[in-house]
Amino acid sequence: MRSQVTVTWGETSTYHFDLDEVQPMPHEQARAWLDEQFTAFECEPIRLTGKVLTADKVLGVAQAAGEERFRDPVHQTWAMSFARATSAALAKPVVSVDLVTRSLGY
């Protein structure tokens, strides 16, 4: 089965992370990694209740990290960790993170 995470800021700024040959991240470790990044980037909850869904964390972290973290080779380790954590935390082998529409696709 194909396993891939795609992060896009529009048609010309799309980044694909192939996870077929990468060691899967355990679910709890993935959730912890996203929590740490959400806090480190000082992301704000988007819901008035203050509840933060895993999907919200994925979108918030990607947006806060910025396109540079996905584009530049110097940040490739971080970007791959993001992709692994996203796939594992959402329990989906194929995930599309669209930052233009602030939505996720599976």
N, C-alpha and C. Protein backbone atom coordinates (compact mmCIF):
# COMPACT_ATOMS: atom_id res chain seq x y z
N MET A 1 0.84 -1.18 0.00
CA MET A 1 0.00 0.00 0.00
C MET A 1 0.89 1.24 0.00
N ARG A 2 0.50 2.23 -0.77
CA ARG A 2 1.24 3.49 -0.85
C ARG A 2 1.09 4.26 0.46
N SER A 3 2.18 4.91 0.87
CA SER A 3 2.15 5.73 2.07
C SER A 3 2.86 7.04 1.75
N GLN A 4 2.11 8.14 1.81
CA GLN A 4 2.66 9.43 1.40
C GLN A 4 1.93 10.57 2.10
N VAL A 5 2.69 11.61 2.41
CA VAL A 5 2.11 12.85 2.93
C VAL A 5 2.50 13.95 1.95
N THR A 6 1.52 14.75 1.57
CA THR A 6 1.73 15.88 0.68
C THR A 6 1.35 17.15 1.42
N VAL A 7 2.23 18.14 1.35
CA VAL A 7 1.97 19.44 1.98
C VAL A 7 2.01 20.48 0.87
N THR A 8 0.95 21.28 0.78
CA THR A 8 0.89 22.25 -0.31
C THR A 8 0.50 23.65 0.16
N TRP A 9 1.16 24.60 -0.47
CA TRP A 9 0.83 26.02 -0.30
C TRP A 9 0.28 26.57 -1.61
N GLY A 10 -0.19 25.73 -2.46
CA GLY A 10 -0.68 26.13 -3.77
C GLY A 10 -0.07 25.26 -4.85
N GLU A 11 -0.49 25.49 -6.08
CA GLU A 11 -0.07 24.64 -7.20
C GLU A 11 1.44 24.56 -7.39
N THR A 12 2.13 25.65 -7.20
CA THR A 12 3.58 25.65 -7.45
C THR A 12 4.41 25.32 -6.22
N SER A 13 3.78 25.14 -5.09
CA SER A 13 4.50 24.87 -3.85
C SER A 13 3.93 23.63 -3.17
N THR A 14 4.20 22.47 -3.75
CA THR A 14 3.71 21.21 -3.22
C THR A 14 4.90 20.31 -2.93
N TYR A 15 4.88 19.70 -1.75
CA TYR A 15 5.98 18.86 -1.29
C TYR A 15 5.45 17.48 -0.95
N HIS A 16 6.06 16.44 -1.56
CA HIS A 16 5.62 15.07 -1.36
C HIS A 16 6.66 14.33 -0.51
N PHE A 17 6.17 13.60 0.47
CA PHE A 17 7.04 12.80 1.33
C PHE A 17 6.60 11.34 1.24
N ASP A 18 7.44 10.55 0.59
CA ASP A 18 7.16 9.13 0.39
C ASP A 18 7.58 8.38 1.64
N LEU A 19 6.63 7.69 2.25
CA LEU A 19 6.90 6.98 3.51
C LEU A 19 6.99 5.47 3.34
N ASP A 20 6.98 4.99 2.09
CA ASP A 20 7.02 3.55 1.85
C ASP A 20 8.27 2.88 2.41
N GLU A 21 9.40 3.53 2.32
CA GLU A 21 10.67 2.94 2.76
C GLU A 21 11.13 3.49 4.12
N VAL A 22 10.24 4.16 4.82
CA VAL A 22 10.59 4.81 6.10
C VAL A 22 9.95 4.05 7.26
N GLN A 23 10.70 3.92 8.33
CA GLN A 23 10.18 3.27 9.54
C GLN A 23 8.96 4.02 10.06
N PRO A 24 7.83 3.33 10.25
CA PRO A 24 6.64 4.01 10.77
C PRO A 24 6.88 4.54 12.19
N MET A 25 6.24 5.64 12.50
CA MET A 25 6.33 6.21 13.85
C MET A 25 5.17 5.64 14.67
N PRO A 26 5.44 5.17 15.89
CA PRO A 26 4.34 4.68 16.73
C PRO A 26 3.32 5.80 16.99
N HIS A 27 2.05 5.40 17.10
CA HIS A 27 0.95 6.36 17.23
C HIS A 27 1.16 7.34 18.39
N GLU A 28 1.47 6.85 19.57
CA GLU A 28 1.64 7.74 20.73
C GLU A 28 2.84 8.66 20.57
N GLN A 29 3.90 8.15 19.98
CA GLN A 29 5.08 8.99 19.73
C GLN A 29 4.73 10.09 18.73
N ALA A 30 3.93 9.76 17.73
CA ALA A 30 3.51 10.75 16.73
C ALA A 30 2.68 11.85 17.37
N ARG A 31 1.74 11.46 18.23
CA ARG A 31 0.91 12.46 18.91
C ARG A 31 1.78 13.35 19.80
N ALA A 32 2.74 12.76 20.50
CA ALA A 32 3.64 13.53 21.37
C ALA A 32 4.49 14.50 20.55
N TRP A 33 4.98 14.04 19.39
CA TRP A 33 5.80 14.89 18.53
C TRP A 33 5.00 16.10 18.05
N LEU A 34 3.76 15.85 17.61
CA LEU A 34 2.91 16.97 17.17
C LEU A 34 2.60 17.92 18.33
N ASP A 35 2.35 17.38 19.51
CA ASP A 35 2.11 18.22 20.70
C ASP A 35 3.30 19.13 20.97
N GLU A 36 4.51 18.53 20.94
CA GLU A 36 5.74 19.30 21.20
C GLU A 36 5.91 20.42 20.17
N GLN A 37 5.68 20.10 18.91
CA GLN A 37 5.84 21.11 17.85
C GLN A 37 4.77 22.19 17.95
N PHE A 38 3.56 21.81 18.29
CA PHE A 38 2.46 22.76 18.46
C PHE A 38 2.82 23.78 19.54
N THR A 39 3.41 23.28 20.62
CA THR A 39 3.83 24.15 21.72
C THR A 39 5.06 24.98 21.34
N ALA A 40 6.04 24.33 20.72
CA ALA A 40 7.28 25.02 20.35
C ALA A 40 7.03 26.18 19.37
N PHE A 41 6.11 25.99 18.45
CA PHE A 41 5.78 27.04 17.49
C PHE A 41 4.74 28.03 18.03
N GLU A 42 4.33 27.81 19.27
CA GLU A 42 3.35 28.68 19.94
C GLU A 42 2.07 28.81 19.11
N CYS A 43 1.59 27.67 18.61
CA CYS A 43 0.34 27.65 17.85
C CYS A 43 -0.84 27.91 18.78
N GLU A 44 -1.85 28.53 18.24
CA GLU A 44 -3.05 28.84 19.01
C GLU A 44 -4.19 27.92 18.60
N PRO A 45 -5.01 27.49 19.56
CA PRO A 45 -6.19 26.69 19.19
C PRO A 45 -7.10 27.51 18.27
N ILE A 46 -7.67 26.85 17.28
CA ILE A 46 -8.52 27.57 16.34
C ILE A 46 -10.00 27.52 16.75
N ARG A 47 -10.32 26.66 17.69
CA ARG A 47 -11.70 26.53 18.15
C ARG A 47 -11.92 27.38 19.41
N LEU A 48 -13.06 27.99 19.50
CA LEU A 48 -13.37 28.84 20.65
C LEU A 48 -13.38 28.07 21.97
N THR A 49 -13.66 26.78 21.89
CA THR A 49 -13.69 25.95 23.10
C THR A 49 -12.30 25.68 23.64
N GLY A 50 -11.28 25.90 22.82
CA GLY A 50 -9.91 25.64 23.23
C GLY A 50 -9.50 24.20 22.95
N LYS A 51 -10.43 23.38 22.49
CA LYS A 51 -10.12 21.99 22.17
C LYS A 51 -9.28 21.96 20.90
N VAL A 52 -8.21 21.15 20.92
CA VAL A 52 -7.33 21.05 19.76
C VAL A 52 -7.37 19.62 19.24
N LEU A 53 -7.94 19.44 18.07
CA LEU A 53 -7.98 18.13 17.43
C LEU A 53 -6.63 17.84 16.78
N THR A 54 -6.35 16.57 16.55
CA THR A 54 -5.10 16.19 15.90
C THR A 54 -4.98 16.87 14.54
N ALA A 55 -6.06 16.92 13.80
CA ALA A 55 -6.04 17.59 12.49
C ALA A 55 -5.66 19.06 12.64
N ASP A 56 -6.16 19.71 13.69
CA ASP A 56 -5.82 21.11 13.94
C ASP A 56 -4.32 21.26 14.23
N LYS A 57 -3.76 20.30 14.96
CA LYS A 57 -2.33 20.35 15.27
C LYS A 57 -1.51 20.21 14.00
N VAL A 58 -1.90 19.28 13.13
CA VAL A 58 -1.18 19.09 11.87
C VAL A 58 -1.18 20.39 11.06
N LEU A 59 -2.35 20.97 10.89
CA LEU A 59 -2.45 22.22 10.13
C LEU A 59 -1.69 23.36 10.80
N GLY A 60 -1.83 23.48 12.11
CA GLY A 60 -1.17 24.55 12.85
C GLY A 60 0.34 24.46 12.78
N VAL A 61 0.86 23.26 12.96
CA VAL A 61 2.32 23.07 12.93
C VAL A 61 2.86 23.34 11.53
N ALA A 62 2.19 22.81 10.51
CA ALA A 62 2.66 23.05 9.14
C ALA A 62 2.66 24.53 8.80
N GLN A 63 1.59 25.22 9.17
CA GLN A 63 1.48 26.65 8.89
C GLN A 63 2.56 27.43 9.64
N ALA A 64 2.72 27.13 10.92
CA ALA A 64 3.70 27.85 11.73
C ALA A 64 5.14 27.56 11.28
N ALA A 65 5.40 26.34 10.87
CA ALA A 65 6.75 25.99 10.43
C ALA A 65 7.10 26.72 9.15
N GLY A 66 6.11 26.91 8.29
CA GLY A 66 6.33 27.64 7.06
C GLY A 66 6.86 26.77 5.93
N GLU A 67 6.69 27.26 4.75
CA GLU A 67 7.09 26.52 3.56
C GLU A 67 8.58 26.20 3.55
N GLU A 68 9.40 27.09 4.07
CA GLU A 68 10.85 26.89 4.06
C GLU A 68 11.26 25.57 4.70
N ARG A 69 10.59 25.19 5.79
CA ARG A 69 10.94 23.92 6.47
C ARG A 69 10.65 22.71 5.61
N PHE A 70 9.76 22.83 4.66
CA PHE A 70 9.44 21.71 3.78
C PHE A 70 10.27 21.76 2.50
N ARG A 71 10.69 22.96 2.10
CA ARG A 71 11.41 23.16 0.84
C ARG A 71 12.92 22.94 0.98
N ASP A 72 13.52 23.49 2.02
CA ASP A 72 14.97 23.50 2.12
C ASP A 72 15.55 22.18 2.62
N PRO A 73 16.58 21.68 1.93
CA PRO A 73 17.20 20.41 2.32
C PRO A 73 17.74 20.39 3.75
N VAL A 74 18.12 21.55 4.27
CA VAL A 74 18.66 21.60 5.63
C VAL A 74 17.60 21.17 6.66
N HIS A 75 16.34 21.29 6.31
CA HIS A 75 15.25 20.92 7.23
C HIS A 75 14.60 19.59 6.85
N GLN A 76 15.24 18.81 6.00
CA GLN A 76 14.64 17.59 5.50
C GLN A 76 14.30 16.60 6.62
N THR A 77 15.15 16.51 7.63
CA THR A 77 14.88 15.60 8.75
C THR A 77 13.62 16.02 9.47
N TRP A 78 13.46 17.33 9.72
CA TRP A 78 12.25 17.81 10.40
C TRP A 78 11.02 17.55 9.53
N ALA A 79 11.10 17.83 8.24
CA ALA A 79 9.97 17.64 7.34
C ALA A 79 9.55 16.18 7.28
N MET A 80 10.52 15.27 7.25
CA MET A 80 10.19 13.84 7.23
C MET A 80 9.56 13.42 8.56
N SER A 81 10.04 13.98 9.67
CA SER A 81 9.42 13.69 10.97
C SER A 81 7.98 14.18 11.00
N PHE A 82 7.74 15.35 10.42
CA PHE A 82 6.38 15.87 10.33
C PHE A 82 5.50 14.90 9.54
N ALA A 83 5.99 14.44 8.40
CA ALA A 83 5.23 13.53 7.55
C ALA A 83 4.94 12.22 8.28
N ARG A 84 5.95 11.66 8.93
CA ARG A 84 5.77 10.41 9.67
C ARG A 84 4.77 10.59 10.81
N ALA A 85 4.89 11.68 11.55
CA ALA A 85 3.99 11.94 12.67
C ALA A 85 2.56 12.17 12.18
N THR A 86 2.41 12.89 11.09
CA THR A 86 1.09 13.16 10.53
C THR A 86 0.40 11.86 10.13
N SER A 87 1.10 11.03 9.40
CA SER A 87 0.53 9.76 8.94
C SER A 87 0.15 8.87 10.12
N ALA A 88 1.04 8.77 11.10
CA ALA A 88 0.79 7.89 12.25
C ALA A 88 -0.30 8.43 13.18
N ALA A 89 -0.27 9.72 13.47
CA ALA A 89 -1.25 10.30 14.40
C ALA A 89 -2.66 10.26 13.82
N LEU A 90 -2.77 10.42 12.51
CA LEU A 90 -4.08 10.39 11.87
C LEU A 90 -4.48 8.97 11.45
N ALA A 91 -3.52 8.03 11.56
CA ALA A 91 -3.74 6.63 11.18
C ALA A 91 -4.22 6.51 9.73
N LYS A 92 -3.59 7.29 8.86
CA LYS A 92 -3.93 7.29 7.43
C LYS A 92 -2.63 7.15 6.63
N PRO A 93 -2.58 6.24 5.68
CA PRO A 93 -1.35 6.08 4.89
C PRO A 93 -1.12 7.20 3.88
N VAL A 94 -2.19 7.83 3.41
CA VAL A 94 -2.06 8.92 2.44
C VAL A 94 -2.79 10.14 3.00
N VAL A 95 -2.04 11.22 3.18
CA VAL A 95 -2.60 12.44 3.75
C VAL A 95 -2.17 13.62 2.89
N SER A 96 -3.11 14.51 2.61
CA SER A 96 -2.83 15.75 1.90
C SER A 96 -3.11 16.91 2.86
N VAL A 97 -2.10 17.73 3.10
CA VAL A 97 -2.22 18.90 3.97
C VAL A 97 -2.25 20.12 3.06
N ASP A 98 -3.41 20.75 2.94
CA ASP A 98 -3.58 21.90 2.06
C ASP A 98 -3.66 23.16 2.91
N LEU A 99 -2.60 23.96 2.86
CA LEU A 99 -2.55 25.16 3.70
C LEU A 99 -3.23 26.35 3.05
N VAL A 100 -3.60 26.26 1.79
CA VAL A 100 -4.36 27.32 1.14
C VAL A 100 -5.80 27.28 1.68
N THR A 101 -6.37 26.08 1.72
CA THR A 101 -7.75 25.93 2.19
C THR A 101 -7.83 25.52 3.67
N ARG A 102 -6.65 25.33 4.29
CA ARG A 102 -6.55 24.87 5.68
C ARG A 102 -7.40 23.62 5.90
N SER A 103 -7.11 22.61 5.06
CA SER A 103 -7.85 21.37 5.14
C SER A 103 -6.94 20.17 4.96
N LEU A 104 -7.44 19.02 5.40
CA LEU A 104 -6.73 17.75 5.24
C LEU A 104 -7.56 16.85 4.34
N GLY A 105 -6.87 16.07 3.55
CA GLY A 105 -7.53 15.07 2.72
C GLY A 105 -6.90 13.73 2.98
N TYR A 106 -7.68 12.67 2.85
CA TYR A 106 -7.18 11.31 3.11
C TYR A 106 -7.38 10.45 1.89
